Amino acid sequence: MTAQVSADSAAQATGTASPVDLSTLVDDLRSLDRQRIKAAILRARQDPRAATPLLIDALRQISANAQRRELADPRYCETILCLLSEFRAREAAPAVIELISLPGMLPEDLLHDAITETVPRILAGLAGDQLELLDALALDERVNEWSRAAAVQVREYLVRDGVLSHDEAVKGLRPLLREAIDRGDRAVGSAAVFALTELGAREAYPLIAEAVQAGVVDKGFINLAELEEELGEENFCERALRRLPSTYVEDTLQELDNLIWPGEEEEFHGDLDLLAPPPLAGSMQLPEADWPFPDEPEPSGTIRHAGHVGRNDPCPCGSGKKFKKCCGKPGA
């Protein structure tokens, strides 16, 4: 009923009736029935202007429910984010920021790996014109560390897309790194160092070296001598930014093909009691089946420079573990 009222309101706001029935759009996306979801996406594409308010309302409801510890399925959350990005819905930016600014581990619980693999793109596309707001989010230590890192990474996308000049991006990142050094903030410190490195910011090398020495970025991530040489290479920045995925999601259906669906793994029920045993304070909660971790090799001692590291990428320290299970653990 609520979805139908919202759909009617959206149609009235555009001055025309929606050409498709969107009354069950949100329920269909939430169903976790793959074919039902695909059909809903195809309907939404027929009238993005009417679908967008429904998706924003659904995102806000996800955030409200999460505050009550009622978690939506991460696949549902990512589908909504992808559609909003595909529709270039900049008006959704406040709802997206509200979601990733939820306290503690809630953004990770709701988004899983999308918090590093999708959220930076979403923020760049939908909120890239609000850098002051994103910087404030990045410096807010109450916000989840991965959300803060995503906010910092936005400038890389903006430079790659020609929205922001290289010099403007570096000028904006340096104060973030300076603040991180001054207060020992590893979340922003690491993210800012990675961003400056990807941008080939040779002029920021002394500040990067200071950050490494201050411990706000792990020394295992960066070999300063190699980094100084790399930053002087021609087209270093261009090559680094070319590795970024597209800013906007071009095809939500294609994005969803990369997700695991019911039948491929045990379905997520949003029951926090299933996430056990509790890991160290502040670290990511994992399904019980993944605990304890099997024996893994000791770190090799290899020190290497790395660009942006996803939570599921191999840890640059050379341990052989995933980043999120090694140096990427909060407080590691």
Protein backbone atom coordinates (compact mmCIF):
# COMPACT_ATOMS: atom_id res chain seq x y z
CA MET A 1 0.00 0.00 0.00
CA THR A 2 2.80 2.42 0.92
CA ALA A 3 4.65 1.62 -2.27
CA GLN A 4 1.52 2.31 -4.35
CA VAL A 5 0.96 5.67 -2.66
CA SER A 6 4.60 6.61 -3.22
CA ALA A 7 4.40 5.56 -6.85
CA ASP A 8 1.26 7.65 -7.38
CA SER A 9 2.93 10.63 -5.71
CA ALA A 10 5.99 10.27 -7.91
CA ALA A 11 3.82 10.15 -11.01
CA GLN A 12 1.91 13.24 -9.90
CA ALA A 13 5.18 15.08 -9.26
CA THR A 14 6.22 14.54 -12.87
CA GLY A 15 2.80 15.57 -14.10
CA THR A 16 2.17 12.28 -15.89
CA ALA A 17 1.06 8.81 -14.93
CA SER A 18 3.77 6.19 -14.67
CA PRO A 19 3.72 3.96 -17.79
CA VAL A 20 4.48 0.89 -15.66
CA ASP A 21 3.12 -0.57 -12.46
CA LEU A 22 5.71 0.07 -9.74
CA SER A 23 3.42 -0.76 -6.82
CA THR A 24 5.40 -3.91 -5.94
CA LEU A 25 8.85 -2.64 -6.93
CA VAL A 26 10.34 -2.54 -3.43
CA ASP A 27 8.80 -5.85 -2.38
CA ASP A 28 10.12 -7.50 -5.53
CA LEU A 29 13.63 -6.19 -4.99
CA ARG A 30 13.54 -7.39 -1.38
CA SER A 31 12.26 -10.86 -2.32
CA LEU A 32 15.68 -12.39 -3.14
CA ASP A 33 13.94 -14.20 -5.99
CA ARG A 34 16.41 -13.60 -8.77
CA GLN A 35 13.90 -13.64 -11.63
CA ARG A 36 11.46 -11.47 -9.73
CA ILE A 37 14.23 -8.97 -9.03
CA LYS A 38 15.30 -8.88 -12.67
CA ALA A 39 11.73 -8.25 -13.78
CA ALA A 40 11.44 -5.43 -11.23
CA ILE A 41 14.66 -3.82 -12.48
CA LEU A 42 13.41 -3.93 -16.06
CA ARG A 43 10.15 -2.25 -14.99
CA ALA A 44 12.02 0.43 -13.04
CA ARG A 45 14.13 1.20 -16.10
CA GLN A 46 10.99 2.04 -18.02
CA ASP A 47 10.26 4.93 -15.64
CA PRO A 48 13.34 5.93 -13.61
CA ARG A 49 11.76 9.23 -12.51
CA ALA A 50 8.91 7.40 -10.80
CA ALA A 51 11.11 4.57 -9.48
CA THR A 52 13.77 6.78 -7.91
CA PRO A 53 11.63 8.17 -5.02
CA LEU A 54 10.59 4.62 -4.17
CA LEU A 55 14.20 3.48 -4.05
CA ILE A 56 15.22 6.42 -1.88
CA ASP A 57 12.36 5.73 0.53
CA ALA A 58 13.43 2.08 0.68
CA LEU A 59 17.02 3.08 1.44
CA ARG A 60 15.90 5.34 4.27
CA GLN A 61 13.75 2.52 5.64
CA ILE A 62 16.75 0.20 5.59
CA SER A 63 18.68 2.73 7.68
CA ALA A 64 15.80 3.22 10.12
CA ASN A 65 15.34 -0.52 10.57
CA ALA A 66 19.06 -1.02 11.07
CA GLN A 67 19.00 1.40 13.98
CA ARG A 68 16.57 -1.07 15.58
CA ARG A 69 18.97 -3.93 14.73
CA GLU A 70 16.70 -5.20 11.97
CA LEU A 71 19.09 -5.80 9.09
CA ALA A 72 18.15 -5.96 5.45
CA ASP A 73 19.86 -8.45 3.20
CA PRO A 74 23.08 -6.99 1.70
CA ARG A 75 22.00 -8.05 -1.79
CA TYR A 76 18.85 -5.97 -1.45
CA CYS A 77 20.86 -2.96 -0.26
CA GLU A 78 23.36 -3.24 -3.10
CA THR A 79 20.61 -3.61 -5.70
CA ILE A 80 19.05 -0.33 -4.59
CA LEU A 81 22.40 1.46 -4.63
CA CYS A 82 23.18 0.14 -8.09
CA LEU A 83 19.82 1.23 -9.49
CA LEU A 84 20.17 4.71 -8.03
CA SER A 85 23.60 4.94 -9.61
CA GLU A 86 22.34 3.62 -12.94
CA PHE A 87 19.58 6.27 -12.87
CA ARG A 88 22.15 9.01 -12.01
CA ALA A 89 19.90 9.92 -9.06
CA ARG A 90 21.88 12.68 -7.34
CA GLU A 91 18.88 13.41 -5.16
CA ALA A 92 19.61 10.08 -3.45
CA ALA A 93 22.93 11.31 -2.02
CA PRO A 94 21.55 12.22 1.45
CA ALA A 95 19.98 8.78 1.84
CA VAL A 96 23.19 7.06 0.73
CA ILE A 97 25.27 9.09 3.18
CA GLU A 98 22.74 8.35 5.94
CA LEU A 99 23.16 4.63 5.27
CA ILE A 100 26.96 4.59 5.34
CA SER A 101 27.02 6.86 8.39
CA LEU A 102 25.14 4.38 10.56
CA PRO A 103 27.02 3.69 13.82
CA GLY A 104 29.53 0.95 14.38
CA MET A 105 29.49 -2.10 12.16
CA LEU A 106 26.03 -1.54 10.69
CA PRO A 107 27.27 -0.30 7.28
CA GLU A 108 29.39 -3.45 6.93
CA ASP A 109 26.54 -5.67 8.08
CA LEU A 110 24.24 -4.10 5.48
CA LEU A 111 26.67 -3.82 2.59
CA HIS A 112 29.34 -6.48 3.13
CA ASP A 113 32.00 -6.09 0.41
CA ALA A 114 30.00 -3.43 -1.43
CA ILE A 115 31.24 -0.97 1.19
CA THR A 116 34.64 -0.96 -0.52
CA GLU A 117 33.78 -2.18 -4.00
CA THR A 118 30.60 -0.21 -4.75
CA VAL A 119 30.18 2.63 -2.25
CA PRO A 120 33.15 4.74 -3.46
CA ARG A 121 31.66 4.69 -6.96
CA ILE A 122 28.20 5.57 -5.68
CA LEU A 123 29.54 8.50 -3.65
CA ALA A 124 31.61 9.79 -6.58
CA GLY A 125 28.65 9.68 -8.93
CA LEU A 126 25.89 10.90 -6.64
CA ALA A 127 27.73 13.08 -4.11
CA GLY A 128 30.92 14.06 -5.89
CA ASP A 129 29.78 17.69 -5.92
CA GLN A 130 29.62 17.71 -2.09
CA LEU A 131 33.28 17.29 -1.18
CA GLU A 132 33.03 19.39 1.99
CA LEU A 133 30.31 17.06 3.27
CA LEU A 134 32.32 13.98 2.31
CA ASP A 135 35.43 15.37 4.02
CA ALA A 136 33.44 15.96 7.19
CA LEU A 137 32.19 12.37 7.01
CA ALA A 138 35.74 11.09 6.48
CA LEU A 139 37.00 12.92 9.57
CA ASP A 140 34.12 11.80 11.78
CA GLU A 141 35.59 9.05 13.95
CA ARG A 142 32.11 7.86 14.90
CA VAL A 143 31.56 6.67 11.32
CA ASN A 144 32.58 3.21 10.13
CA GLU A 145 36.19 3.18 8.93
CA TRP A 146 35.33 1.71 5.52
CA SER A 147 32.70 4.39 4.93
CA ARG A 148 35.26 7.04 5.79
CA ALA A 149 37.79 5.50 3.41
CA ALA A 150 35.19 5.45 0.63
CA ALA A 151 34.57 9.16 1.12
CA VAL A 152 38.29 9.86 0.77
CA GLN A 153 38.58 7.77 -2.40
CA VAL A 154 35.95 9.85 -4.23
CA ARG A 155 38.57 12.33 -5.47
CA GLU A 156 40.31 9.58 -7.44
CA TYR A 157 37.15 9.01 -9.48
CA LEU A 158 36.60 12.72 -9.99
CA VAL A 159 40.12 13.18 -11.36
CA ARG A 160 39.79 10.13 -13.62
CA ASP A 161 36.48 11.48 -14.95
CA GLY A 162 37.85 14.98 -15.55
CA VAL A 163 35.50 16.53 -12.99
CA LEU A 164 38.35 17.60 -10.71
CA SER A 165 41.88 18.57 -11.64
CA HIS A 166 44.84 16.68 -10.26
CA ASP A 167 46.03 19.74 -8.34
CA GLU A 168 42.57 20.36 -6.85
CA ALA A 169 42.35 16.74 -5.68
CA VAL A 170 45.80 16.81 -4.06
CA LYS A 171 45.02 20.16 -2.45
CA GLY A 172 41.89 18.63 -0.89
CA LEU A 173 43.58 15.43 0.28
CA ARG A 174 46.59 16.98 1.97
CA PRO A 175 44.58 18.57 4.85
CA LEU A 176 42.84 15.23 5.43
CA LEU A 177 46.18 13.48 5.77
CA ARG A 178 47.58 16.27 7.94
CA GLU A 179 44.59 15.94 10.28
CA ALA A 180 44.98 12.16 10.34
CA ILE A 181 48.64 12.44 11.31
CA ASP A 182 47.92 14.99 14.03
CA ARG A 183 45.34 12.82 15.73
CA GLY A 184 46.68 9.35 14.87
CA ASP A 185 43.70 8.49 12.66
CA ARG A 186 44.64 5.36 10.74
CA ALA A 187 41.37 5.04 8.83
CA VAL A 188 41.68 8.40 7.09
CA GLY A 189 45.48 8.31 7.10
CA SER A 190 45.66 5.09 5.11
CA ALA A 191 42.91 6.13 2.72
CA ALA A 192 44.47 9.53 2.07
CA VAL A 193 47.91 8.02 1.48
CA PHE A 194 46.47 5.50 -0.97
CA ALA A 195 44.57 8.24 -2.81
CA LEU A 196 47.59 10.54 -3.02
CA THR A 197 49.68 7.61 -4.22
CA GLU A 198 47.18 6.66 -6.94
CA LEU A 199 47.15 10.30 -8.03
CA GLY A 200 50.94 10.24 -8.36
CA ALA A 201 51.20 13.19 -5.99
CA ARG A 202 54.99 13.55 -5.88
CA GLU A 203 54.60 16.90 -4.14
CA ALA A 204 52.89 15.11 -1.24
CA TYR A 205 55.72 12.61 -0.75
CA PRO A 206 57.15 14.32 2.39
CA LEU A 207 53.70 14.24 4.00
CA ILE A 208 53.20 10.61 2.99
CA ALA A 209 56.58 9.73 4.51
CA GLU A 210 55.58 11.55 7.70
CA ALA A 211 52.34 9.55 7.81
CA VAL A 212 54.25 6.29 7.51
CA GLN A 213 56.67 7.30 10.24
CA ALA A 214 53.77 8.41 12.47
CA GLY A 215 52.15 5.00 12.09
CA VAL A 216 48.88 6.17 10.56
CA VAL A 217 49.58 3.90 7.60
CA ASP A 218 51.23 0.53 8.08
CA LYS A 219 54.84 0.42 6.91
CA GLY A 220 54.09 -2.96 5.36
CA PHE A 221 51.95 -1.24 2.76
CA ILE A 222 54.55 1.13 1.41
CA ASN A 223 58.21 0.97 0.54
CA LEU A 224 59.02 4.68 0.64
CA ALA A 225 62.10 4.39 -1.57
CA GLU A 226 60.16 2.54 -4.27
CA LEU A 227 57.23 4.91 -3.89
CA GLU A 228 59.38 8.00 -4.45
CA GLU A 229 60.69 6.45 -7.65
CA GLU A 230 57.23 5.40 -8.84
CA LEU A 231 55.75 8.84 -8.26
CA GLY A 232 58.31 10.22 -10.68
CA GLU A 233 57.31 7.84 -13.48
CA GLU A 234 55.58 9.29 -16.51
CA ASN A 235 51.82 8.62 -16.68
CA PHE A 236 51.88 6.92 -13.26
CA CYS A 237 48.61 8.57 -12.22
CA GLU A 238 46.90 7.79 -15.52
CA ARG A 239 47.83 4.12 -15.28
CA ALA A 240 46.71 3.90 -11.65
CA LEU A 241 43.33 5.58 -12.19
CA ARG A 242 42.64 3.46 -15.25
CA ARG A 243 42.25 0.50 -12.90
CA LEU A 244 39.22 2.08 -11.22
CA PRO A 245 35.81 0.71 -12.26
CA SER A 246 33.33 3.01 -13.96
CA THR A 247 31.93 5.70 -11.67
CA TYR A 248 28.30 5.04 -12.50
CA VAL A 249 26.77 1.59 -12.58
CA GLU A 250 25.88 1.07 -16.22
CA ASP A 251 23.92 -2.16 -15.86
CA THR A 252 22.49 -3.22 -12.50
CA LEU A 253 21.61 -6.66 -13.84
CA GLN A 254 25.22 -7.26 -14.76
CA GLU A 255 26.35 -6.10 -11.32
CA LEU A 256 23.97 -8.52 -9.65
CA ASP A 257 25.39 -11.43 -11.62
CA ASN A 258 28.44 -11.12 -9.39
CA LEU A 259 26.43 -11.67 -6.21
CA ILE A 260 25.63 -14.99 -4.55
CA TRP A 261 21.95 -15.81 -4.39
CA PRO A 262 19.79 -18.21 -2.35
CA GLY A 263 20.59 -21.74 -3.36
CA GLU A 264 24.21 -20.81 -3.92
CA GLU A 265 24.80 -20.23 -0.21
CA GLU A 266 22.70 -20.19 2.96
CA GLU A 267 20.22 -17.33 2.85
CA PHE A 268 20.84 -14.30 5.06
CA HIS A 269 18.03 -13.73 7.58
CA GLY A 270 19.14 -10.51 9.26
CA ASP A 271 19.46 -12.26 12.62
CA LEU A 272 22.39 -10.74 14.49
CA ASP A 273 22.54 -13.75 16.80
CA LEU A 274 23.77 -15.80 13.84
CA LEU A 275 26.89 -13.66 13.55
CA ALA A 276 29.12 -15.36 16.09
CA PRO A 277 31.40 -15.73 17.88
CA PRO A 278 32.11 -12.02 18.32
CA PRO A 279 35.51 -10.94 17.00
CA LEU A 280 37.71 -8.30 18.53
CA ALA A 281 35.94 -5.07 19.43
CA GLY A 282 35.28 -2.98 16.36
CA SER A 283 36.22 -5.64 13.82
CA MET A 284 33.96 -7.10 11.17
CA GLN A 285 31.39 -9.68 12.19
CA LEU A 286 31.59 -12.88 10.18
CA PRO A 287 29.24 -15.85 9.70
CA GLU A 288 29.86 -18.69 12.10
CA ALA A 289 30.90 -20.98 9.25
CA ASP A 290 33.98 -18.83 8.67
CA TRP A 291 35.17 -19.16 12.28
CA PRO A 292 37.75 -20.13 13.30
CA PHE A 293 39.92 -19.34 10.32
CA PRO A 294 42.14 -22.19 9.10
CA ASP A 295 45.83 -22.01 9.74
CA GLU A 296 47.42 -19.55 7.35
CA PRO A 297 51.06 -18.85 6.56
CA GLU A 298 53.07 -16.43 8.62
CA PRO A 299 53.79 -13.05 7.03
CA SER A 300 56.72 -13.22 4.67
CA GLY A 301 58.06 -9.85 5.68
CA THR A 302 57.63 -8.54 2.15
CA ILE A 303 57.11 -4.81 2.06
CA ARG A 304 55.42 -3.43 -0.99
CA HIS A 305 53.66 -0.35 -2.22
CA ALA A 306 49.95 -0.83 -2.83
CA GLY A 307 47.18 1.29 -4.18
CA HIS A 308 43.58 1.03 -2.96
CA VAL A 309 43.09 -2.31 -1.28
CA GLY A 310 39.68 -3.95 -1.19
CA ARG A 311 38.56 -5.90 1.85
CA ASN A 312 38.79 -9.16 -0.12
CA ASP A 313 42.09 -8.38 -1.83
CA PRO A 314 45.28 -10.16 -0.75
CA CYS A 315 46.89 -8.22 2.07
CA PRO A 316 49.87 -6.22 0.77
CA CYS A 317 51.95 -7.27 3.78
CA GLY A 318 52.48 -10.63 2.07
CA SER A 319 50.80 -12.81 4.70
CA GLY A 320 48.63 -14.60 2.16
CA LYS A 321 45.49 -13.60 4.03
CA LYS A 322 42.70 -11.39 2.80
CA PHE A 323 43.16 -7.73 3.74
CA LYS A 324 40.07 -7.73 5.99
CA LYS A 325 41.48 -10.66 7.99
CA CYS A 326 44.96 -9.21 8.32
CA CYS A 327 46.20 -5.61 8.30
CA GLY A 328 42.71 -4.39 7.40
CA LYS A 329 41.29 -5.36 10.78
CA PRO A 330 40.43 -2.27 12.81
CA GLY A 331 43.31 -1.62 15.15
CA ALA A 332 45.61 -4.05 13.34
